[in-house]
C-alpha atoms as a PDB file:
ATOM      1  CA  MET A   1     -28.268  44.122  47.251  1.00  0.00           C
ATOM      2  CA  LYS A   2     -28.725  42.040  44.080  1.00  0.00           C
ATOM      3  CA  PRO A   3     -29.520  38.405  44.608  1.00  0.00           C
ATOM      4  CA  LEU A   4     -26.874  36.005  43.533  1.00  0.00           C
ATOM      5  CA  SER A   5     -27.706  34.389  40.214  1.00  0.00           C
ATOM      6  CA  THR A   6     -27.885  30.675  40.423  1.00  0.00           C
ATOM      7  CA  LYS A   7     -27.090  28.881  37.175  1.00  0.00           C
ATOM      8  CA  PRO A   8     -27.727  25.181  37.088  1.00  0.00           C
ATOM      9  CA  SER A   9     -24.363  23.483  37.277  1.00  0.00           C
ATOM     10  CA  LYS A  10     -23.601  20.736  34.812  1.00  0.00           C
ATOM     11  CA  PRO A  11     -23.464  17.329  36.387  1.00  0.00           C
ATOM     12  CA  ALA A  12     -20.008  15.902  36.878  1.00  0.00           C
ATOM     13  CA  GLY A  13     -20.992  12.932  34.739  1.00  0.00           C
ATOM     14  CA  ALA A  14     -21.601  15.155  31.687  1.00  0.00           C
ATOM     15  CA  LYS A  15     -18.152  16.731  31.998  1.00  0.00           C
ATOM     16  CA  PHE A  16     -16.614  13.305  32.338  1.00  0.00           C
ATOM     17  CA  GLU A  17     -18.469  11.997  29.270  1.00  0.00           C
ATOM     18  CA  LYS A  18     -17.374  15.011  27.224  1.00  0.00           C
ATOM     19  CA  LYS A  19     -13.791  14.524  28.315  1.00  0.00           C
ATOM     20  CA  GLN A  20     -13.975  10.836  27.490  1.00  0.00           C
ATOM     21  CA  ALA A  21     -15.452  11.600  24.064  1.00  0.00           C
ATOM     22  CA  SER A  22     -12.545  13.923  23.295  1.00  0.00           C
ATOM     23  CA  LYS A  23     -10.202  11.088  24.159  1.00  0.00           C
ATOM     24  CA  GLY A  24     -12.192   8.595  22.128  1.00  0.00           C
ATOM     25  CA  PHE A  25     -12.450   8.440  18.348  1.00  0.00           C
ATOM     26  CA  ALA A  26     -11.535  12.101  17.837  1.00  0.00           C
ATOM     27  CA  GLY A  27      -8.462  11.705  19.997  1.00  0.00           C
ATOM     28  CA  PHE A  28      -7.531   8.527  18.133  1.00  0.00           C
ATOM     29  CA  CYS A  29      -7.815  10.326  14.772  1.00  0.00           C
ATOM     30  CA  LYS A  30      -5.744  13.238  16.037  1.00  0.00           C
ATOM     31  CA  LYS A  31      -2.987  10.953  17.315  1.00  0.00           C
ATOM     32  CA  THR A  32      -2.962   9.002  14.052  1.00  0.00           C
ATOM     33  CA  TYR A  33      -2.759  12.233  12.043  1.00  0.00           C
ATOM     34  CA  ASN A  34       0.164  13.466  14.128  1.00  0.00           C
ATOM     35  CA  LEU A  35       1.944  10.131  13.712  1.00  0.00           C
ATOM     36  CA  LEU A  36       1.960  10.666   9.932  1.00  0.00           C
ATOM     37  CA  PHE A  37       4.375  13.559  10.418  1.00  0.00           C
ATOM     38  CA  ASN A  38       6.367  12.300  13.395  1.00  0.00           C
ATOM     39  CA  ASP A  39      10.146  12.692  13.184  1.00  0.00           C
ATOM     40  CA  ASP A  40      10.614   9.061  14.241  1.00  0.00           C
ATOM     41  CA  VAL A  41      10.384   6.918  11.100  1.00  0.00           C
ATOM     42  CA  TYR A  42       9.026   3.925  13.037  1.00  0.00           C
ATOM     43  CA  LEU A  43       6.218   5.962  14.597  1.00  0.00           C
ATOM     44  CA  ARG A  44       5.410   7.263  11.111  1.00  0.00           C
ATOM     45  CA  ILE A  45       5.046   3.629  10.002  1.00  0.00           C
ATOM     46  CA  CYS A  46       2.406   3.120  12.721  1.00  0.00           C
ATOM     47  CA  GLY A  47       0.555   6.232  11.575  1.00  0.00           C
ATOM     48  CA  PHE A  48       0.605   5.210   7.920  1.00  0.00           C
ATOM     49  CA  LEU A  49      -0.435   1.657   8.805  1.00  0.00           C
ATOM     50  CA  ILE A  50      -3.524   2.813  10.723  1.00  0.00           C
ATOM     51  CA  PHE A  51      -4.378   5.529   8.187  1.00  0.00           C
ATOM     52  CA  GLY A  52      -4.014   3.214   5.183  1.00  0.00           C
ATOM     53  CA  LEU A  53      -5.933   0.293   6.691  1.00  0.00           C
ATOM     54  CA  ILE A  54      -8.839   2.546   7.671  1.00  0.00           C
ATOM     55  CA  LEU A  55      -9.081   3.783   4.080  1.00  0.00           C
ATOM     56  CA  PHE A  56      -8.710   0.249   2.703  1.00  0.00           C
ATOM     57  CA  PHE A  57     -11.425  -1.316   4.873  1.00  0.00           C
ATOM     58  CA  ALA A  58     -13.803   1.608   4.344  1.00  0.00           C
ATOM     59  CA  SER A  59     -13.395   1.296   0.579  1.00  0.00           C
ATOM     60  CA  TRP A  60     -13.582  -2.513   0.682  1.00  0.00           C
ATOM     61  CA  ALA A  61     -16.803  -2.435   2.751  1.00  0.00           C
ATOM     62  CA  PHE A  62     -18.416   0.098   0.395  1.00  0.00           C
ATOM     63  CA  PHE A  63     -17.664  -1.919  -2.745  1.00  0.00           C
ATOM     64  CA  THR A  64     -18.497  -5.242  -1.080  1.00  0.00           C
ATOM     65  CA  PHE A  65     -21.811  -4.409   0.577  1.00  0.00           C
ATOM     66  CA  ILE A  66     -23.098  -1.227  -1.121  1.00  0.00           C
ATOM     67  CA  TYR A  67     -21.798  -0.781  -4.667  1.00  0.00           C
ATOM     68  CA  ASN A  68     -21.652  -4.447  -5.570  1.00  0.00           C
ATOM     69  CA  LYS A  69     -20.295  -4.592  -9.118  1.00  0.00           C
ATOM     70  CA  VAL A  70     -17.945  -7.486  -9.893  1.00  0.00           C
ATOM     71  CA  ASN A  71     -14.840  -6.849 -12.056  1.00  0.00           C
ATOM     72  CA  LEU A  72     -15.400  -3.096 -12.012  1.00  0.00           C
ATOM     73  CA  LEU A  73     -11.643  -2.387 -12.036  1.00  0.00           C
ATOM     74  CA  GLU A  74     -10.334  -5.349 -14.007  1.00  0.00           C
ATOM     75  CA  ASN A  75      -8.836  -3.011 -16.650  1.00  0.00           C
ATOM     76  CA  SER A  76      -7.385  -0.490 -14.184  1.00  0.00           C
ATOM     77  CA  PHE A  77      -3.687   0.113 -13.530  1.00  0.00           C
ATOM     78  CA  MET A  78      -4.142  -1.674 -10.180  1.00  0.00           C
ATOM     79  CA  VAL A  79      -4.850  -4.951 -11.983  1.00  0.00           C
ATOM     80  CA  GLN A  80      -3.246  -4.685 -15.416  1.00  0.00           C
ATOM     81  CA  LYS A  81       0.536  -4.750 -15.728  1.00  0.00           C
ATOM     82  CA  LEU A  82       2.860  -2.727 -17.916  1.00  0.00           C
ATOM     83  CA  PHE A  83       4.444  -6.084 -18.741  1.00  0.00           C
ATOM     84  CA  LYS A  84       1.644  -8.574 -19.342  1.00  0.00           C
ATOM     85  CA  PRO A  85       2.316 -11.791 -17.370  1.00  0.00           C
ATOM     86  CA  ASP A  86       2.427 -14.958 -19.437  1.00  0.00           C
ATOM     87  CA  ILE A  87       3.432 -18.577 -18.881  1.00  0.00           C
ATOM     88  CA  MET A  88       6.463 -19.786 -20.868  1.00  0.00           C
ATOM     89  CA  LYS A  89       5.857 -23.480 -21.512  1.00  0.00           C
ATOM     90  CA  GLY A  90       9.298 -24.037 -23.008  1.00  0.00           C
ATOM     91  CA  ILE A  91      11.286 -23.526 -19.793  1.00  0.00           C
ATOM     92  CA  GLY A  92      10.755 -27.084 -18.506  1.00  0.00           C
ATOM     93  CA  PRO A  93      11.770 -28.916 -21.719  1.00  0.00           C
ATOM     94  CA  TRP A  94      14.718 -26.525 -22.201  1.00  0.00           C
ATOM     95  CA  ALA A  95      16.016 -27.196 -18.664  1.00  0.00           C
ATOM     96  CA  ALA A  96      15.521 -30.951 -19.041  1.00  0.00           C
ATOM     97  CA  LYS A  97      17.464 -30.919 -22.283  1.00  0.00           C
ATOM     98  CA  LEU A  98      20.196 -28.799 -20.713  1.00  0.00           C
ATOM     99  CA  PHE A  99      20.640 -31.179 -17.778  1.00  0.00           C
ATOM    100  CA  GLY A 100      20.050 -34.324 -19.820  1.00  0.00           C
ATOM    101  CA  SER A 101      16.883 -35.490 -18.072  1.00  0.00           C
ATOM    102  CA  THR A 102      13.566 -36.581 -19.564  1.00  0.00           C
ATOM    103  CA  ASN A 103      11.815 -37.158 -16.244  1.00  0.00           C
ATOM    104  CA  ALA A 104       8.337 -35.612 -16.270  1.00  0.00           C
ATOM    105  CA  ASP A 105       8.695 -34.309 -12.713  1.00  0.00           C
ATOM    106  CA  VAL A 106      11.942 -32.544 -13.607  1.00  0.00           C
ATOM    107  CA  ILE A 107      10.285 -30.856 -16.592  1.00  0.00           C
ATOM    108  CA  LYS A 108       7.284 -29.864 -14.451  1.00  0.00           C
ATOM    109  CA  ASN A 109       9.353 -28.483 -11.564  1.00  0.00           C
ATOM    110  CA  PHE A 110      11.676 -26.496 -13.813  1.00  0.00           C
ATOM    111  CA  GLY A 111       8.651 -25.202 -15.702  1.00  0.00           C
ATOM    112  CA  ILE A 112       6.888 -24.061 -12.538  1.00  0.00           C
ATOM    113  CA  TRP A 113       9.819 -22.478 -10.721  1.00  0.00           C
ATOM    114  CA  GLY A 114      11.390 -21.077 -13.860  1.00  0.00           C
ATOM    115  CA  ASN A 115       8.176 -19.192 -14.576  1.00  0.00           C
ATOM    116  CA  VAL A 116       7.893 -18.088 -10.948  1.00  0.00           C
ATOM    117  CA  ILE A 117      11.402 -16.577 -11.050  1.00  0.00           C
ATOM    118  CA  LEU A 118      10.845 -14.830 -14.389  1.00  0.00           C
ATOM    119  CA  LEU A 119       7.457 -13.435 -13.327  1.00  0.00           C
ATOM    120  CA  THR A 120       8.920 -12.324  -9.985  1.00  0.00           C
ATOM    121  CA  LEU A 121      11.509 -10.216 -11.799  1.00  0.00           C
ATOM    122  CA  GLU A 122       8.851  -8.938 -14.200  1.00  0.00           C
ATOM    123  CA  ASN A 123       6.478  -7.993 -11.368  1.00  0.00           C
ATOM    124  CA  PHE A 124       9.304  -6.341  -9.438  1.00  0.00           C
ATOM    125  CA  ALA A 125      10.251  -4.225 -12.475  1.00  0.00           C
ATOM    126  CA  ASN A 126       6.590  -3.287 -12.970  1.00  0.00           C
ATOM    127  CA  ASN A 127       6.218  -2.241  -9.316  1.00  0.00           C
ATOM    128  CA  LEU A 128       9.541  -0.410  -9.337  1.00  0.00           C
ATOM    129  CA  ILE A 129       8.400   1.808 -12.217  1.00  0.00           C
ATOM    130  CA  PHE A 130       5.351   2.882 -10.185  1.00  0.00           C
ATOM    131  CA  VAL A 131       7.521   3.364  -7.093  1.00  0.00           C
ATOM    132  CA  ILE A 132       9.943   5.644  -8.919  1.00  0.00           C
ATOM    133  CA  ILE A 133       7.176   7.765 -10.463  1.00  0.00           C
ATOM    134  CA  PHE A 134       4.547   7.898  -7.722  1.00  0.00           C
ATOM    135  CA  ILE A 135       6.729   7.645  -4.600  1.00  0.00           C
ATOM    136  CA  PHE A 136      10.287   8.827  -5.181  1.00  0.00           C
ATOM    137  CA  ILE A 137       9.491  11.638  -7.636  1.00  0.00           C
ATOM    138  CA  LEU A 138       6.303  12.767  -5.867  1.00  0.00           C
ATOM    139  CA  ASN A 139       8.209  12.902  -2.585  1.00  0.00           C
ATOM    140  CA  PHE A 140      10.266  15.742  -4.067  1.00  0.00           C
ATOM    141  CA  PHE A 141       7.180  17.959  -3.709  1.00  0.00           C
ATOM    142  CA  ARG A 142       5.187  18.900  -0.619  1.00  0.00           C
ATOM    143  CA  VAL A 143       2.032  20.966  -0.117  1.00  0.00           C
ATOM    144  CA  GLY A 144       1.538  22.104   3.468  1.00  0.00           C
ATOM    145  CA  ARG A 145       2.565  19.101   5.565  1.00  0.00           C
ATOM    146  CA  TRP A 146       1.669  16.581   2.882  1.00  0.00           C
ATOM    147  CA  ASN A 147       4.204  15.112   0.493  1.00  0.00           C
ATOM    148  CA  LEU A 148       2.436  14.339  -2.775  1.00  0.00           C
ATOM    149  CA  SER A 149       3.342  10.661  -2.366  1.00  0.00           C
ATOM    150  CA  MET A 150       1.214  10.602   0.810  1.00  0.00           C
ATOM    151  CA  ILE A 151      -1.793  11.692  -1.238  1.00  0.00           C
ATOM    152  CA  TYR A 152      -0.984   8.923  -3.715  1.00  0.00           C
ATOM    153  CA  PHE A 153      -0.793   6.416  -0.837  1.00  0.00           C
ATOM    154  CA  ALA A 154      -4.267   7.446   0.350  1.00  0.00           C
ATOM    155  CA  LEU A 155      -5.697   6.953  -3.153  1.00  0.00           C
ATOM    156  CA  TYR A 156      -3.733   3.710  -3.537  1.00  0.00           C
ATOM    157  CA  SER A 157      -5.239   2.308  -0.311  1.00  0.00           C
ATOM    158  CA  ILE A 158      -8.747   3.254  -1.445  1.00  0.00           C
ATOM    159  CA  MET A 159      -8.126   1.648  -4.838  1.00  0.00           C
ATOM    160  CA  TRP A 160      -6.919  -1.600  -3.244  1.00  0.00           C
ATOM    161  CA  GLY A 161     -10.145  -1.715  -1.215  1.00  0.00           C
ATOM    162  CA  ALA A 162     -12.169  -1.149  -4.377  1.00  0.00           C
ATOM    163  CA  VAL A 163     -10.266  -3.844  -6.293  1.00  0.00           C
ATOM    164  CA  MET A 164     -10.799  -6.422  -3.554  1.00  0.00           C
ATOM    165  CA  GLY A 165     -14.415  -5.386  -2.946  1.00  0.00           C
ATOM    166  CA  THR A 166     -15.276  -5.793  -6.644  1.00  0.00           C
ATOM    167  CA  LEU A 167     -13.253  -9.003  -7.075  1.00  0.00           C
ATOM    168  CA  SER A 168     -11.341  -7.418  -9.955  1.00  0.00           C
ATOM    169  CA  LEU A 169      -8.180  -9.533  -9.614  1.00  0.00           C
ATOM    170  CA  PRO A 170      -7.868 -12.464 -12.056  1.00  0.00           C
ATOM    171  CA  PHE A 171      -7.634 -15.010  -9.230  1.00  0.00           C
ATOM    172  CA  PRO A 172     -10.454 -17.051  -7.639  1.00  0.00           C
ATOM    173  CA  THR A 173     -11.636 -16.119  -4.152  1.00  0.00           C
ATOM    174  CA  GLY A 174     -13.703 -19.212  -3.341  1.00  0.00           C
ATOM    175  CA  THR A 175     -17.392 -19.407  -2.516  1.00  0.00           C
ATOM    176  CA  ASN A 176     -17.278 -16.863   0.325  1.00  0.00           C
ATOM    177  CA  ARG A 177     -16.872 -13.511  -1.379  1.00  0.00           C
ATOM    178  CA  VAL A 178     -16.251 -11.529   1.815  1.00  0.00           C
ATOM    179  CA  LEU A 179     -13.586 -13.736   3.388  1.00  0.00           C
ATOM    180  CA  GLY A 180     -12.190 -14.831   0.030  1.00  0.00           C
ATOM    181  CA  SER A 181     -11.349 -11.318  -1.080  1.00  0.00           C
ATOM    182  CA  LEU A 182      -9.607 -10.529   2.213  1.00  0.00           C
ATOM    183  CA  ILE A 183      -7.640 -13.788   2.132  1.00  0.00           C
ATOM    184  CA  LEU A 184      -6.526 -13.067  -1.427  1.00  0.00           C
ATOM    185  CA  PHE A 185      -5.424  -9.575  -0.350  1.00  0.00           C
ATOM    186  CA  ALA A 186      -3.464 -11.082   2.537  1.00  0.00           C
ATOM    187  CA  ARG A 187      -1.716 -13.547   0.192  1.00  0.00           C
ATOM    188  CA  TYR A 188       0.077 -10.859  -1.796  1.00  0.00           C
ATOM    189  CA  GLY A 189      -1.789  -7.532  -2.037  1.00  0.00           C
ATOM    190  CA  LEU A 190      -1.082  -6.669   1.579  1.00  0.00           C
ATOM    191  CA  TRP A 191       2.651  -7.086   1.048  1.00  0.00           C
ATOM    192  CA  VAL A 192       2.963  -4.866  -2.011  1.00  0.00           C
ATOM    193  CA  TRP A 193       0.782  -2.284  -0.216  1.00  0.00           C
ATOM    194  CA  PHE A 194       3.022  -2.479   2.863  1.00  0.00           C
ATOM    195  CA  SER A 195       6.187  -2.189   0.747  1.00  0.00           C
ATOM    196  CA  TYR A 196       4.818   1.036  -0.780  1.00  0.00           C
ATOM    197  CA  LEU A 197       4.126   2.271   2.750  1.00  0.00           C
ATOM    198  CA  LEU A 198       7.715   1.614   3.872  1.00  0.00           C
ATOM    199  CA  LEU A 199       9.201   3.238   0.780  1.00  0.00           C
ATOM    200  CA  ILE A 200       7.059   6.367   1.231  1.00  0.00           C
ATOM    201  CA  VAL A 201       7.824   6.690   4.950  1.00  0.00           C
ATOM    202  CA  SER A 202      11.568   6.265   4.407  1.00  0.00           C
ATOM    203  CA  THR A 203      11.806   8.893   1.635  1.00  0.00           C
ATOM    204  CA  THR A 204       9.636  11.791   2.865  1.00  0.00           C
ATOM    205  CA  GLN A 205      12.879  13.694   3.513  1.00  0.00           C
ATOM    206  CA  PHE A 206      13.376  13.903  -0.276  1.00  0.00           C
ATOM    207  CA  THR A 207      11.288  17.117  -0.297  1.00  0.00           C
ATOM    208  CA  TRP A 208      12.932  19.519  -2.741  1.00  0.00           C
ATOM    209  CA  MET A 209      10.141  22.055  -3.375  1.00  0.00           C
ATOM    210  CA  ALA A 210       7.351  22.935  -0.937  1.00  0.00           C
ATOM    211  CA  ALA A 211       4.230  25.103  -1.103  1.00  0.00           C
ATOM    212  CA  PRO A 212       2.739  26.586   2.107  1.00  0.00           C
ATOM    213  CA  SER A 213      -0.750  25.193   1.422  1.00  0.00           C
ATOM    214  CA  GLY A 214      -3.135  24.053  -1.247  1.00  0.00           C
ATOM    215  CA  LEU A 215      -4.313  27.651  -1.658  1.00  0.00           C
ATOM    216  CA  ASP A 216      -0.852  29.201  -1.712  1.00  0.00           C
ATOM    217  CA  TRP A 217       1.356  27.787  -4.453  1.00  0.00           C
ATOM    218  CA  ASN A 218       4.430  29.911  -3.820  1.00  0.00           C
ATOM    219  CA  TRP A 219       6.952  27.131  -4.123  1.00  0.00           C
ATOM    220  CA  GLU A 220      10.094  27.329  -2.020  1.00  0.00           C
ATOM    221  CA  LYS A 221      13.241  25.283  -2.413  1.00  0.00           C
ATOM    222  CA  LYS A 222      13.936  23.220   0.731  1.00  0.00           C
ATOM    223  CA  ARG A 223      17.255  21.604  -0.209  1.00  0.00           C
ATOM    224  CA  LYS A 224      19.595  20.925  -3.099  1.00  0.00           C
ATOM    225  CA  PHE A 225      18.169  18.575  -5.709  1.00  0.00           C
ATOM    226  CA  TRP A 226      21.079  16.164  -5.235  1.00  0.00           C
ATOM    227  CA  PRO A 227      22.427  14.235  -3.326  1.00  0.00           C
ATOM    228  CA  LEU A 228      19.723  12.394  -1.414  1.00  0.00           C
ATOM    229  CA  SER A 229      20.372  11.608   2.223  1.00  0.00           C
ATOM    230  CA  PHE A 230      19.141   8.983   4.674  1.00  0.00           C
ATOM    231  CA  THR A 231      19.452   8.619   8.416  1.00  0.00           C
ATOM    232  CA  PRO A 232      20.415   5.087   9.539  1.00  0.00           C
ATOM    233  CA  ASP A 233      16.779   4.347  10.471  1.00  0.00           C
ATOM    234  CA  GLN A 234      15.458   5.690   7.165  1.00  0.00           C
ATOM    235  CA  ARG A 235      17.986   3.632   5.225  1.00  0.00           C
ATOM    236  CA  GLU A 236      16.992   0.491   7.122  1.00  0.00           C
ATOM    237  CA  VAL A 237      13.265   1.033   6.436  1.00  0.00           C
ATOM    238  CA  PHE A 238      14.062   1.817   2.789  1.00  0.00           C
ATOM    239  CA  ILE A 239      15.914  -1.498   2.385  1.00  0.00           C
ATOM    240  CA  TYR A 240      13.067  -3.393   4.065  1.00  0.00           C
ATOM    241  CA  GLY A 241      10.663  -1.689   1.681  1.00  0.00           C
ATOM    242  CA  LEU A 242      12.561  -2.987  -1.339  1.00  0.00           C
ATOM    243  CA  LEU A 243      12.738  -6.473   0.183  1.00  0.00           C
ATOM    244  CA  PHE A 244       8.983  -6.487   0.839  1.00  0.00           C
ATOM    245  CA  LEU A 245       8.453  -5.328  -2.744  1.00  0.00           C
ATOM    246  CA  LEU A 246      10.516  -8.279  -4.003  1.00  0.00           C
ATOM    247  CA  ALA A 247       8.665 -10.690  -1.689  1.00  0.00           C
ATOM    248  CA  SER A 248       5.272  -9.417  -2.851  1.00  0.00           C
ATOM    249  CA  SER A 249       6.381  -9.785  -6.474  1.00  0.00           C
ATOM    250  CA  PHE A 250       7.308 -13.408  -5.734  1.00  0.00           C
ATOM    251  CA  ALA A 251       3.968 -14.037  -3.986  1.00  0.00           C
ATOM    252  CA  GLU A 252       2.022 -12.672  -6.947  1.00  0.00           C
ATOM    253  CA  ALA A 253       4.115 -14.714  -9.397  1.00  0.00           C
ATOM    254  CA  ARG A 254       3.536 -17.865  -7.344  1.00  0.00           C
ATOM    255  CA  ILE A 255      -0.236 -17.342  -7.358  1.00  0.00           C
ATOM    256  CA  PHE A 256      -0.299 -16.599 -11.100  1.00  0.00           C
ATOM    257  CA  VAL A 257       1.697 -19.725 -11.953  1.00  0.00           C
ATOM    258  CA  HIS A 258      -0.419 -21.847  -9.605  1.00  0.00           C
ATOM    259  CA  TYR A 259      -3.622 -20.934 -11.454  1.00  0.00           C
ATOM    260  CA  ASN A 260      -2.266 -20.694 -15.012  1.00  0.00           C
ATOM    261  CA  PHE A 261       0.515 -23.273 -15.451  1.00  0.00           C
ATOM    262  CA  PHE A 262      -1.646 -26.356 -16.010  1.00  0.00           C
END
């Protein structure tokens, strides 16, 4: 009779630690990844929010603490506008003349808010051009599970981190470079980033042509090119995305006028 083989059993603690590890960071990443493709548009927002912020902070930390080169991206499309912002000094005197007032405060206030309104519209038009090209049009194409606009969003989040980490925006950040760059991002960059997120999430159903994977480019038509359709939830998120885009355009215009009017 053969003796029974006795293998050393793994301690219960090791199994528990392994199970906990699988539910830790790896489990968090898996859940976040699955949220990116969830059918519920609001759960997709959570997935994109976590995914985008991780990329942003990783990029920001790298360019803040490791590759420390100020103004590295000052001439990039993230900073430069298709329509170059400029202050129109004649708005205040024109408004004062129109309303028959020569009060200096009236001229100043009309000058400030007139420029804010004009630059808001200009910034909104600039952002809308990028939205149409890199979100709406790219959402017509999908590779595997990834709409091309999702790939753009990942690169866009990384670029925002790089811009803030290298202090490439033409606005002061104060004496504390680390906190100053994050505060500046929160003042307007966060809102334009979030508006892009909402517009991507609410239009992923635009997919017209899809390829099975990055290695198999046999494109297949998924729907008719037109018309585009929205569920009630998608339409609501889409409208909020446009409103956030307008609000971020106003915030940027307000900052630009604040630092350049006088």
